[in-house]
Amino acid sequence: MTDISAPILPDLLGGVAYRQPTRVRDPMAELYRLLILVLVAGVVVVPLLATAFGGFKSLGELRVNTFGVPHVWVWSNYGDIIFSWNYWHFLLNSLTIAAVTVFLTLVVAATAAFAFAHLKFFGDKFLFNYLILGLTFPFAASILPLFIKIRDLGLLDSHWGIILPQVAFGLAISVLLLRNAFRQVPLELVEAALVDGCSYPRIFFSIILPLSRPILSTVAIIAFVASWNNFLLPLVVLNSTKQYPWPLGLMDYQGQYMTFWQLVLAFITMTILPAILVFILAQRHIVEGLTAGAVRG
């Protein structure tokens, strides 16, 4: 919204007068924006609070008071989870799978993105577009051929049978984000390094990576959270309980005739805390990384 009564200022270069627009805050627009933010925050926060409070209830109270604050706080539910060896074992499996997935994703995606951003070769645009098509391919649709391939490679009931497919399916979004960010590095730096005799690997490690820490952090967090919350692939690949990550560890609280839902909610609360903490601590890097390629595509 502009004010037409803004003063007329001279153009120092061309001598042509123009009106300098001034922004006037609209209180109703600010109120609508605030209400939308509160609504979105409520949609996100209410289920998290209901899950956390549900872990403090008994099974009987959970059935009659699902979303409210517990009348009687049962602290032993969280105590049973924290002091359970299975919880830490499942958490260690998830951390191992996620850490290796993040490392391999960064290594493969960063090198590929550097090639697409700063190297010219035959078919580079076609290959990049073919890789980006992976964003349109649903993971669930490939679960049967993926299971057959993992079985043929002898990777069933092993963490590598989860890590390698996660890296493959995460390459599309990772390469897209990294390529756009790498293209923001001034081309003069790369050309000057080439003139000074630097090889492309040295340019990659000494110039591109140090200047791209925000987007590297963003890609790492996206890959970590996607691996941390993956349920379908471990369910199909893993057979032994000792290999289970935390999403499959929930089945440890499901009996033959009943499910201990209060323990399930306490387990979920304890296991999503690492992902929430990662987002809170790295939210500045996430914003910087996602906006790194906003100027040039």
C-alpha atoms as a PDB file:
ATOM      1  CA  MET A   1       0.000   0.000   0.000  1.00  0.00           C
ATOM      2  CA  THR A   2       1.585   3.283  -1.055  1.00  0.00           C
ATOM      3  CA  ASP A   3       0.967   6.887  -0.039  1.00  0.00           C
ATOM      4  CA  ILE A   4       0.379   9.114  -3.124  1.00  0.00           C
ATOM      5  CA  SER A   5       1.111  12.192  -1.060  1.00  0.00           C
ATOM      6  CA  ALA A   6       4.767  11.217  -0.696  1.00  0.00           C
ATOM      7  CA  PRO A   7       7.222  14.063  -1.379  1.00  0.00           C
ATOM      8  CA  ILE A   8       8.712  14.495  -4.833  1.00  0.00           C
ATOM      9  CA  LEU A   9      12.490  13.957  -4.776  1.00  0.00           C
ATOM     10  CA  PRO A  10      14.927  14.870  -7.554  1.00  0.00           C
ATOM     11  CA  ASP A  11      16.755  12.203  -9.473  1.00  0.00           C
ATOM     12  CA  LEU A  12      20.420  13.113  -9.045  1.00  0.00           C
ATOM     13  CA  LEU A  13      21.472  11.246 -12.176  1.00  0.00           C
ATOM     14  CA  GLY A  14      18.864  12.163 -14.734  1.00  0.00           C
ATOM     15  CA  GLY A  15      17.257  15.226 -13.214  1.00  0.00           C
ATOM     16  CA  VAL A  16      13.815  13.634 -13.519  1.00  0.00           C
ATOM     17  CA  ALA A  17      11.522  14.032 -10.554  1.00  0.00           C
ATOM     18  CA  TYR A  18       9.755  11.015  -9.141  1.00  0.00           C
ATOM     19  CA  ARG A  19       7.615  10.170  -6.165  1.00  0.00           C
ATOM     20  CA  GLN A  20       9.269   8.046  -3.512  1.00  0.00           C
ATOM     21  CA  PRO A  21       6.738   5.449  -2.356  1.00  0.00           C
ATOM     22  CA  THR A  22       6.329   4.985   1.366  1.00  0.00           C
ATOM     23  CA  ARG A  23       4.815   1.929   3.007  1.00  0.00           C
ATOM     24  CA  VAL A  24       1.914   2.409   5.387  1.00  0.00           C
ATOM     25  CA  ARG A  25       1.239  -0.446   7.793  1.00  0.00           C
ATOM     26  CA  ASP A  26      -2.263  -1.841   7.633  1.00  0.00           C
ATOM     27  CA  PRO A  27      -3.384  -2.912  11.139  1.00  0.00           C
ATOM     28  CA  MET A  28      -5.928  -5.387   9.756  1.00  0.00           C
ATOM     29  CA  ALA A  29      -3.317  -7.045   7.531  1.00  0.00           C
ATOM     30  CA  GLU A  30      -0.995  -7.384  10.523  1.00  0.00           C
ATOM     31  CA  LEU A  31      -3.849  -8.889  12.562  1.00  0.00           C
ATOM     32  CA  TYR A  32      -4.704 -11.412   9.827  1.00  0.00           C
ATOM     33  CA  ARG A  33      -1.053 -12.389   9.526  1.00  0.00           C
ATOM     34  CA  LEU A  34      -0.830 -12.902  13.277  1.00  0.00           C
ATOM     35  CA  LEU A  35      -3.982 -15.021  13.336  1.00  0.00           C
ATOM     36  CA  ILE A  36      -2.692 -17.221  10.503  1.00  0.00           C
ATOM     37  CA  LEU A  37       0.632 -17.732  12.308  1.00  0.00           C
ATOM     38  CA  VAL A  38      -1.175 -18.629  15.544  1.00  0.00           C
ATOM     39  CA  LEU A  39      -3.406 -21.090  13.661  1.00  0.00           C
ATOM     40  CA  VAL A  40      -0.446 -22.780  11.963  1.00  0.00           C
ATOM     41  CA  ALA A  41       1.483 -22.911  15.242  1.00  0.00           C
ATOM     42  CA  GLY A  42      -1.535 -24.470  16.943  1.00  0.00           C
ATOM     43  CA  VAL A  43      -1.811 -27.173  14.281  1.00  0.00           C
ATOM     44  CA  VAL A  44       1.842 -28.067  14.907  1.00  0.00           C
ATOM     45  CA  VAL A  45       2.083 -27.621  18.672  1.00  0.00           C
ATOM     46  CA  VAL A  46      -1.214 -29.164  19.847  1.00  0.00           C
ATOM     47  CA  PRO A  47      -0.422 -32.724  18.626  1.00  0.00           C
ATOM     48  CA  LEU A  48       3.064 -32.478  20.163  1.00  0.00           C
ATOM     49  CA  LEU A  49       1.650 -31.381  23.523  1.00  0.00           C
ATOM     50  CA  ALA A  50      -1.057 -34.070  23.385  1.00  0.00           C
ATOM     51  CA  THR A  51       1.632 -36.693  22.761  1.00  0.00           C
ATOM     52  CA  ALA A  52       3.846 -35.403  25.577  1.00  0.00           C
ATOM     53  CA  PHE A  53       0.943 -35.190  28.068  1.00  0.00           C
ATOM     54  CA  GLY A  54      -0.335 -38.618  26.987  1.00  0.00           C
ATOM     55  CA  GLY A  55       2.924 -40.130  28.176  1.00  0.00           C
ATOM     56  CA  PHE A  56       2.153 -38.921  31.709  1.00  0.00           C
ATOM     57  CA  LYS A  57      -1.282 -40.588  31.877  1.00  0.00           C
ATOM     58  CA  SER A  58      -2.453 -44.027  32.792  1.00  0.00           C
ATOM     59  CA  LEU A  59      -4.050 -46.153  30.102  1.00  0.00           C
ATOM     60  CA  GLY A  60      -7.527 -45.618  31.583  1.00  0.00           C
ATOM     61  CA  GLU A  61      -7.210 -41.839  31.775  1.00  0.00           C
ATOM     62  CA  LEU A  62      -5.755 -41.728  28.260  1.00  0.00           C
ATOM     63  CA  ARG A  63      -8.968 -43.241  26.887  1.00  0.00           C
ATOM     64  CA  VAL A  64     -11.268 -40.719  28.572  1.00  0.00           C
ATOM     65  CA  ASN A  65      -8.966 -37.670  28.570  1.00  0.00           C
ATOM     66  CA  THR A  66      -7.008 -37.858  25.323  1.00  0.00           C
ATOM     67  CA  PHE A  67      -5.998 -34.228  24.760  1.00  0.00           C
ATOM     68  CA  GLY A  68      -6.247 -32.696  28.219  1.00  0.00           C
ATOM     69  CA  VAL A  69      -3.700 -32.203  30.973  1.00  0.00           C
ATOM     70  CA  PRO A  70      -3.249 -35.338  33.133  1.00  0.00           C
ATOM     71  CA  HIS A  71      -5.233 -35.406  36.353  1.00  0.00           C
ATOM     72  CA  VAL A  72      -2.689 -37.783  37.890  1.00  0.00           C
ATOM     73  CA  TRP A  73       0.870 -37.484  36.580  1.00  0.00           C
ATOM     74  CA  VAL A  74       2.346 -40.943  36.058  1.00  0.00           C
ATOM     75  CA  TRP A  75       6.085 -40.198  35.942  1.00  0.00           C
ATOM     76  CA  SER A  76       6.968 -43.886  35.842  1.00  0.00           C
ATOM     77  CA  ASN A  77       5.981 -44.066  32.139  1.00  0.00           C
ATOM     78  CA  TYR A  78       8.908 -41.903  31.122  1.00  0.00           C
ATOM     79  CA  GLY A  79      11.081 -43.603  33.718  1.00  0.00           C
ATOM     80  CA  ASP A  80      10.381 -46.992  32.155  1.00  0.00           C
ATOM     81  CA  ILE A  81      11.443 -45.609  28.765  1.00  0.00           C
ATOM     82  CA  ILE A  82      14.590 -43.821  29.931  1.00  0.00           C
ATOM     83  CA  PHE A  83      15.879 -46.739  31.986  1.00  0.00           C
ATOM     84  CA  SER A  84      15.030 -49.302  29.322  1.00  0.00           C
ATOM     85  CA  TRP A  85      18.003 -50.790  27.452  1.00  0.00           C
ATOM     86  CA  ASN A  86      15.870 -51.286  24.345  1.00  0.00           C
ATOM     87  CA  TYR A  87      15.187 -47.549  24.072  1.00  0.00           C
ATOM     88  CA  TRP A  88      18.880 -46.639  23.963  1.00  0.00           C
ATOM     89  CA  HIS A  89      19.614 -49.540  21.618  1.00  0.00           C
ATOM     90  CA  PHE A  90      16.922 -48.410  19.153  1.00  0.00           C
ATOM     91  CA  LEU A  91      18.130 -44.824  19.471  1.00  0.00           C
ATOM     92  CA  LEU A  92      21.720 -45.863  18.726  1.00  0.00           C
ATOM     93  CA  ASN A  93      20.593 -47.766  15.632  1.00  0.00           C
ATOM     94  CA  SER A  94      18.678 -44.733  14.373  1.00  0.00           C
ATOM     95  CA  LEU A  95      21.614 -42.428  15.084  1.00  0.00           C
ATOM     96  CA  THR A  96      24.019 -44.734  13.233  1.00  0.00           C
ATOM     97  CA  ILE A  97      21.753 -45.021  10.184  1.00  0.00           C
ATOM     98  CA  ALA A  98      21.065 -41.262  10.097  1.00  0.00           C
ATOM     99  CA  ALA A  99      24.724 -40.263  10.547  1.00  0.00           C
ATOM    100  CA  VAL A 100      25.971 -42.506   7.729  1.00  0.00           C
ATOM    101  CA  THR A 101      23.082 -41.400   5.504  1.00  0.00           C
ATOM    102  CA  VAL A 102      23.910 -37.724   6.072  1.00  0.00           C
ATOM    103  CA  PHE A 103      27.621 -38.266   5.387  1.00  0.00           C
ATOM    104  CA  LEU A 104      27.090 -40.181   2.135  1.00  0.00           C
ATOM    105  CA  THR A 105      24.383 -37.767   0.976  1.00  0.00           C
ATOM    106  CA  LEU A 106      26.647 -34.754   1.476  1.00  0.00           C
ATOM    107  CA  VAL A 107      29.618 -36.414  -0.240  1.00  0.00           C
ATOM    108  CA  VAL A 108      27.707 -37.579  -3.319  1.00  0.00           C
ATOM    109  CA  ALA A 109      25.336 -34.611  -3.641  1.00  0.00           C
ATOM    110  CA  ALA A 110      28.010 -31.943  -3.109  1.00  0.00           C
ATOM    111  CA  THR A 111      30.351 -33.347  -5.746  1.00  0.00           C
ATOM    112  CA  ALA A 112      27.502 -33.814  -8.229  1.00  0.00           C
ATOM    113  CA  ALA A 113      26.150 -30.317  -7.559  1.00  0.00           C
ATOM    114  CA  PHE A 114      29.610 -28.809  -8.092  1.00  0.00           C
ATOM    115  CA  ALA A 115      29.872 -30.550 -11.452  1.00  0.00           C
ATOM    116  CA  PHE A 116      26.437 -29.300 -12.539  1.00  0.00           C
ATOM    117  CA  ALA A 117      27.134 -25.760 -11.297  1.00  0.00           C
ATOM    118  CA  HIS A 118      30.671 -25.081 -12.568  1.00  0.00           C
ATOM    119  CA  LEU A 119      31.532 -27.699 -15.183  1.00  0.00           C
ATOM    120  CA  LYS A 120      30.270 -27.854 -18.732  1.00  0.00           C
ATOM    121  CA  PHE A 121      30.035 -31.264 -20.372  1.00  0.00           C
ATOM    122  CA  PHE A 122      27.915 -32.985 -22.977  1.00  0.00           C
ATOM    123  CA  GLY A 123      24.415 -33.727 -21.696  1.00  0.00           C
ATOM    124  CA  ASP A 124      24.803 -31.891 -18.377  1.00  0.00           C
ATOM    125  CA  LYS A 125      21.357 -30.258 -18.531  1.00  0.00           C
ATOM    126  CA  PHE A 126      19.676 -33.486 -19.590  1.00  0.00           C
ATOM    127  CA  LEU A 127      21.385 -35.422 -16.795  1.00  0.00           C
ATOM    128  CA  PHE A 128      20.454 -32.770 -14.216  1.00  0.00           C
ATOM    129  CA  ASN A 129      16.800 -32.727 -15.288  1.00  0.00           C
ATOM    130  CA  TYR A 130      16.734 -36.526 -15.254  1.00  0.00           C
ATOM    131  CA  LEU A 131      18.068 -36.482 -11.694  1.00  0.00           C
ATOM    132  CA  ILE A 132      15.490 -33.899 -10.587  1.00  0.00           C
ATOM    133  CA  LEU A 133      12.708 -36.155 -11.864  1.00  0.00           C
ATOM    134  CA  GLY A 134      13.344 -38.153  -8.709  1.00  0.00           C
ATOM    135  CA  LEU A 135      11.374 -35.493  -6.818  1.00  0.00           C
ATOM    136  CA  THR A 136       8.200 -36.637  -8.587  1.00  0.00           C
ATOM    137  CA  PHE A 137       8.732 -40.338  -7.885  1.00  0.00           C
ATOM    138  CA  PRO A 138       6.944 -41.525  -4.712  1.00  0.00           C
ATOM    139  CA  PHE A 139       8.998 -43.674  -2.394  1.00  0.00           C
ATOM    140  CA  ALA A 140       6.136 -46.052  -1.579  1.00  0.00           C
ATOM    141  CA  ALA A 141       5.647 -46.894  -5.264  1.00  0.00           C
ATOM    142  CA  SER A 142       9.157 -48.323  -5.475  1.00  0.00           C
ATOM    143  CA  ILE A 143       9.089 -50.418  -2.323  1.00  0.00           C
ATOM    144  CA  LEU A 144       8.546 -53.765  -4.092  1.00  0.00           C
ATOM    145  CA  PRO A 145      11.318 -53.476  -6.740  1.00  0.00           C
ATOM    146  CA  LEU A 146      13.526 -51.902  -4.068  1.00  0.00           C
ATOM    147  CA  PHE A 147      12.992 -54.885  -1.786  1.00  0.00           C
ATOM    148  CA  ILE A 148      13.866 -57.297  -4.630  1.00  0.00           C
ATOM    149  CA  LYS A 149      17.071 -55.402  -5.413  1.00  0.00           C
ATOM    150  CA  ILE A 150      18.090 -55.243  -1.737  1.00  0.00           C
ATOM    151  CA  ARG A 151      17.457 -58.981  -1.448  1.00  0.00           C
ATOM    152  CA  ASP A 152      19.551 -59.705  -4.552  1.00  0.00           C
ATOM    153  CA  LEU A 153      22.422 -57.642  -3.133  1.00  0.00           C
ATOM    154  CA  GLY A 154      22.279 -59.551   0.161  1.00  0.00           C
ATOM    155  CA  LEU A 155      21.493 -56.445   2.212  1.00  0.00           C
ATOM    156  CA  LEU A 156      18.344 -57.690   3.919  1.00  0.00           C
ATOM    157  CA  ASP A 157      18.310 -57.358   7.711  1.00  0.00           C
ATOM    158  CA  SER A 158      21.258 -54.939   7.657  1.00  0.00           C
ATOM    159  CA  HIS A 159      21.544 -51.192   8.109  1.00  0.00           C
ATOM    160  CA  TRP A 160      23.129 -50.809   4.670  1.00  0.00           C
ATOM    161  CA  GLY A 161      19.861 -51.960   3.142  1.00  0.00           C
ATOM    162  CA  ILE A 162      18.310 -48.808   4.642  1.00  0.00           C
ATOM    163  CA  ILE A 163      21.192 -46.361   4.236  1.00  0.00           C
ATOM    164  CA  LEU A 164      21.860 -46.810   0.513  1.00  0.00           C
ATOM    165  CA  PRO A 165      18.204 -46.380  -0.619  1.00  0.00           C
ATOM    166  CA  GLN A 166      17.828 -43.337   1.650  1.00  0.00           C
ATOM    167  CA  VAL A 167      20.895 -41.748   0.064  1.00  0.00           C
ATOM    168  CA  ALA A 168      19.610 -42.527  -3.430  1.00  0.00           C
ATOM    169  CA  PHE A 169      16.157 -41.044  -2.812  1.00  0.00           C
ATOM    170  CA  GLY A 170      17.609 -37.982  -1.082  1.00  0.00           C
ATOM    171  CA  LEU A 171      19.956 -37.040  -3.916  1.00  0.00           C
ATOM    172  CA  ALA A 172      17.363 -35.177  -6.012  1.00  0.00           C
ATOM    173  CA  ILE A 173      16.464 -32.489  -3.478  1.00  0.00           C
ATOM    174  CA  SER A 174      20.040 -32.346  -2.142  1.00  0.00           C
ATOM    175  CA  VAL A 175      21.635 -31.791  -5.559  1.00  0.00           C
ATOM    176  CA  LEU A 176      18.998 -29.193  -6.452  1.00  0.00           C
ATOM    177  CA  LEU A 177      19.618 -27.140  -3.307  1.00  0.00           C
ATOM    178  CA  LEU A 178      23.395 -27.458  -3.456  1.00  0.00           C
ATOM    179  CA  ARG A 179      23.627 -26.623  -7.169  1.00  0.00           C
ATOM    180  CA  ASN A 180      21.637 -23.416  -6.757  1.00  0.00           C
ATOM    181  CA  ALA A 181      23.799 -22.405  -3.788  1.00  0.00           C
ATOM    182  CA  PHE A 182      27.077 -23.246  -5.533  1.00  0.00           C
ATOM    183  CA  ARG A 183      26.058 -21.051  -8.476  1.00  0.00           C
ATOM    184  CA  GLN A 184      25.876 -18.089  -6.089  1.00  0.00           C
ATOM    185  CA  VAL A 185      29.635 -18.289  -5.511  1.00  0.00           C
ATOM    186  CA  PRO A 186      31.159 -15.482  -7.640  1.00  0.00           C
ATOM    187  CA  LEU A 187      32.417 -16.880 -10.913  1.00  0.00           C
ATOM    188  CA  GLU A 188      35.405 -14.542 -10.700  1.00  0.00           C
ATOM    189  CA  LEU A 189      36.739 -16.528  -7.721  1.00  0.00           C
ATOM    190  CA  VAL A 190      36.626 -19.768  -9.686  1.00  0.00           C
ATOM    191  CA  GLU A 191      38.221 -18.188 -12.760  1.00  0.00           C
ATOM    192  CA  ALA A 192      40.955 -16.565 -10.687  1.00  0.00           C
ATOM    193  CA  ALA A 193      41.718 -19.878  -9.022  1.00  0.00           C
ATOM    194  CA  LEU A 194      41.945 -21.584 -12.415  1.00  0.00           C
ATOM    195  CA  VAL A 195      44.334 -18.887 -13.646  1.00  0.00           C
ATOM    196  CA  ASP A 196      46.503 -19.435 -10.563  1.00  0.00           C
ATOM    197  CA  GLY A 197      46.751 -23.121 -11.430  1.00  0.00           C
ATOM    198  CA  CYS A 198      44.217 -24.587  -8.986  1.00  0.00           C
ATOM    199  CA  SER A 199      42.603 -27.853  -9.966  1.00  0.00           C
ATOM    200  CA  TYR A 200      38.865 -28.381  -9.730  1.00  0.00           C
ATOM    201  CA  PRO A 201      39.158 -30.605  -6.616  1.00  0.00           C
ATOM    202  CA  ARG A 202      41.136 -27.879  -4.842  1.00  0.00           C
ATOM    203  CA  ILE A 203      38.589 -25.244  -5.903  1.00  0.00           C
ATOM    204  CA  PHE A 204      35.837 -27.487  -4.555  1.00  0.00           C
ATOM    205  CA  PHE A 205      37.467 -28.060  -1.161  1.00  0.00           C
ATOM    206  CA  SER A 206      39.145 -24.661  -0.676  1.00  0.00           C
ATOM    207  CA  ILE A 207      36.578 -22.243  -2.125  1.00  0.00           C
ATOM    208  CA  ILE A 208      33.152 -23.778  -2.724  1.00  0.00           C
ATOM    209  CA  LEU A 209      32.687 -25.788   0.483  1.00  0.00           C
ATOM    210  CA  PRO A 210      33.881 -23.082   2.939  1.00  0.00           C
ATOM    211  CA  LEU A 211      31.493 -20.575   1.333  1.00  0.00           C
ATOM    212  CA  SER A 212      28.543 -23.005   1.355  1.00  0.00           C
ATOM    213  CA  ARG A 213      28.270 -23.987   5.006  1.00  0.00           C
ATOM    214  CA  PRO A 214      24.637 -22.832   5.444  1.00  0.00           C
ATOM    215  CA  ILE A 215      23.302 -24.928   2.569  1.00  0.00           C
ATOM    216  CA  LEU A 216      25.428 -27.905   3.636  1.00  0.00           C
ATOM    217  CA  SER A 217      23.857 -27.644   7.091  1.00  0.00           C
ATOM    218  CA  THR A 218      20.392 -27.449   5.550  1.00  0.00           C
ATOM    219  CA  VAL A 219      20.905 -30.533   3.391  1.00  0.00           C
ATOM    220  CA  ALA A 220      22.378 -32.412   6.357  1.00  0.00           C
ATOM    221  CA  ILE A 221      19.368 -31.589   8.540  1.00  0.00           C
ATOM    222  CA  ILE A 222      16.876 -32.578   5.834  1.00  0.00           C
ATOM    223  CA  ALA A 223      18.656 -35.908   5.304  1.00  0.00           C
ATOM    224  CA  PHE A 224      18.941 -36.506   9.063  1.00  0.00           C
ATOM    225  CA  VAL A 225      15.264 -35.899   9.811  1.00  0.00           C
ATOM    226  CA  ALA A 226      14.110 -37.948   6.801  1.00  0.00           C
ATOM    227  CA  SER A 227      16.247 -40.877   7.944  1.00  0.00           C
ATOM    228  CA  TRP A 228      15.282 -40.447  11.604  1.00  0.00           C
ATOM    229  CA  ASN A 229      11.548 -40.665  10.826  1.00  0.00           C
ATOM    230  CA  ASN A 230      11.705 -43.367   8.142  1.00  0.00           C
ATOM    231  CA  PHE A 231       9.357 -46.221   9.004  1.00  0.00           C
ATOM    232  CA  LEU A 232       8.361 -48.026   5.805  1.00  0.00           C
ATOM    233  CA  LEU A 233      11.815 -49.011   4.540  1.00  0.00           C
ATOM    234  CA  PRO A 234      13.106 -50.449   7.870  1.00  0.00           C
ATOM    235  CA  LEU A 235       9.814 -52.313   8.238  1.00  0.00           C
ATOM    236  CA  VAL A 236      10.367 -54.033   4.890  1.00  0.00           C
ATOM    237  CA  VAL A 237      14.124 -54.605   5.130  1.00  0.00           C
ATOM    238  CA  LEU A 238      14.747 -55.550   8.761  1.00  0.00           C
ATOM    239  CA  ASN A 239      13.756 -58.809  10.432  1.00  0.00           C
ATOM    240  CA  SER A 240      15.678 -59.012  13.720  1.00  0.00           C
ATOM    241  CA  THR A 241      14.766 -56.772  16.635  1.00  0.00           C
ATOM    242  CA  LYS A 242      18.397 -55.903  17.393  1.00  0.00           C
ATOM    243  CA  GLN A 243      18.614 -54.028  14.063  1.00  0.00           C
ATOM    244  CA  TYR A 244      15.459 -51.960  14.606  1.00  0.00           C
ATOM    245  CA  PRO A 245      15.611 -48.137  14.579  1.00  0.00           C
ATOM    246  CA  TRP A 246      13.322 -46.183  16.864  1.00  0.00           C
ATOM    247  CA  PRO A 247      10.190 -46.132  14.604  1.00  0.00           C
ATOM    248  CA  LEU A 248      10.106 -49.932  14.676  1.00  0.00           C
ATOM    249  CA  GLY A 249      10.940 -49.919  18.377  1.00  0.00           C
ATOM    250  CA  LEU A 250       7.365 -48.805  18.998  1.00  0.00           C
ATOM    251  CA  MET A 251       6.260 -52.369  18.300  1.00  0.00           C
ATOM    252  CA  ASP A 252       8.072 -53.411  21.463  1.00  0.00           C
ATOM    253  CA  TYR A 253       5.146 -51.944  23.448  1.00  0.00           C
ATOM    254  CA  GLN A 254       2.455 -53.727  21.448  1.00  0.00           C
ATOM    255  CA  GLY A 255       1.237 -56.978  22.964  1.00  0.00           C
ATOM    256  CA  GLN A 256      -0.793 -59.759  21.422  1.00  0.00           C
ATOM    257  CA  TYR A 257      -4.112 -58.497  22.783  1.00  0.00           C
ATOM    258  CA  MET A 258      -3.481 -54.878  23.757  1.00  0.00           C
ATOM    259  CA  THR A 259      -1.163 -51.924  23.204  1.00  0.00           C
ATOM    260  CA  PHE A 260       0.290 -49.851  26.039  1.00  0.00           C
ATOM    261  CA  TRP A 261      -0.504 -46.518  24.437  1.00  0.00           C
ATOM    262  CA  GLN A 262       0.793 -44.432  27.334  1.00  0.00           C
ATOM    263  CA  LEU A 263       4.234 -46.018  26.888  1.00  0.00           C
ATOM    264  CA  VAL A 264       4.024 -45.594  23.122  1.00  0.00           C
ATOM    265  CA  LEU A 265       3.349 -41.854  23.513  1.00  0.00           C
ATOM    266  CA  ALA A 266       6.157 -41.507  26.048  1.00  0.00           C
ATOM    267  CA  PHE A 267       8.495 -43.357  23.678  1.00  0.00           C
ATOM    268  CA  ILE A 268       7.493 -41.099  20.761  1.00  0.00           C
ATOM    269  CA  THR A 269       8.047 -37.966  22.846  1.00  0.00           C
ATOM    270  CA  MET A 270      11.524 -39.074  23.877  1.00  0.00           C
ATOM    271  CA  THR A 271      12.535 -40.001  20.343  1.00  0.00           C
ATOM    272  CA  ILE A 272      11.302 -36.875  18.531  1.00  0.00           C
ATOM    273  CA  LEU A 273      13.135 -34.595  20.951  1.00  0.00           C
ATOM    274  CA  PRO A 274      16.480 -34.963  19.084  1.00  0.00           C
ATOM    275  CA  ALA A 275      14.886 -33.893  15.781  1.00  0.00           C
ATOM    276  CA  ILE A 276      13.170 -30.926  17.462  1.00  0.00           C
ATOM    277  CA  LEU A 277      16.417 -29.837  19.128  1.00  0.00           C
ATOM    278  CA  VAL A 278      18.276 -30.083  15.817  1.00  0.00           C
ATOM    279  CA  PHE A 279      15.709 -27.809  14.153  1.00  0.00           C
ATOM    280  CA  ILE A 280      15.779 -25.282  17.001  1.00  0.00           C
ATOM    281  CA  LEU A 281      19.569 -25.082  17.127  1.00  0.00           C
ATOM    282  CA  ALA A 282      20.025 -24.949  13.355  1.00  0.00           C
ATOM    283  CA  GLN A 283      17.011 -22.924  12.215  1.00  0.00           C
ATOM    284  CA  ARG A 284      19.184 -19.944  11.239  1.00  0.00           C
ATOM    285  CA  HIS A 285      21.320 -22.145   8.987  1.00  0.00           C
ATOM    286  CA  ILE A 286      18.211 -23.727   7.483  1.00  0.00           C
ATOM    287  CA  VAL A 287      16.790 -20.333   6.455  1.00  0.00           C
ATOM    288  CA  GLU A 288      20.131 -19.147   5.089  1.00  0.00           C
ATOM    289  CA  GLY A 289      20.606 -22.374   3.163  1.00  0.00           C
ATOM    290  CA  LEU A 290      17.137 -22.440   1.605  1.00  0.00           C
ATOM    291  CA  THR A 291      17.459 -18.816   0.471  1.00  0.00           C
ATOM    292  CA  ALA A 292      21.015 -19.244  -0.858  1.00  0.00           C
ATOM    293  CA  GLY A 293      19.798 -19.987  -4.385  1.00  0.00           C
ATOM    294  CA  ALA A 294      16.852 -17.617  -4.456  1.00  0.00           C
ATOM    295  CA  VAL A 295      18.493 -15.007  -6.694  1.00  0.00           C
ATOM    296  CA  ARG A 296      19.758 -17.207  -9.484  1.00  0.00           C
ATOM    297  CA  GLY A 297      18.232 -20.534 -10.480  1.00  0.00           C
END
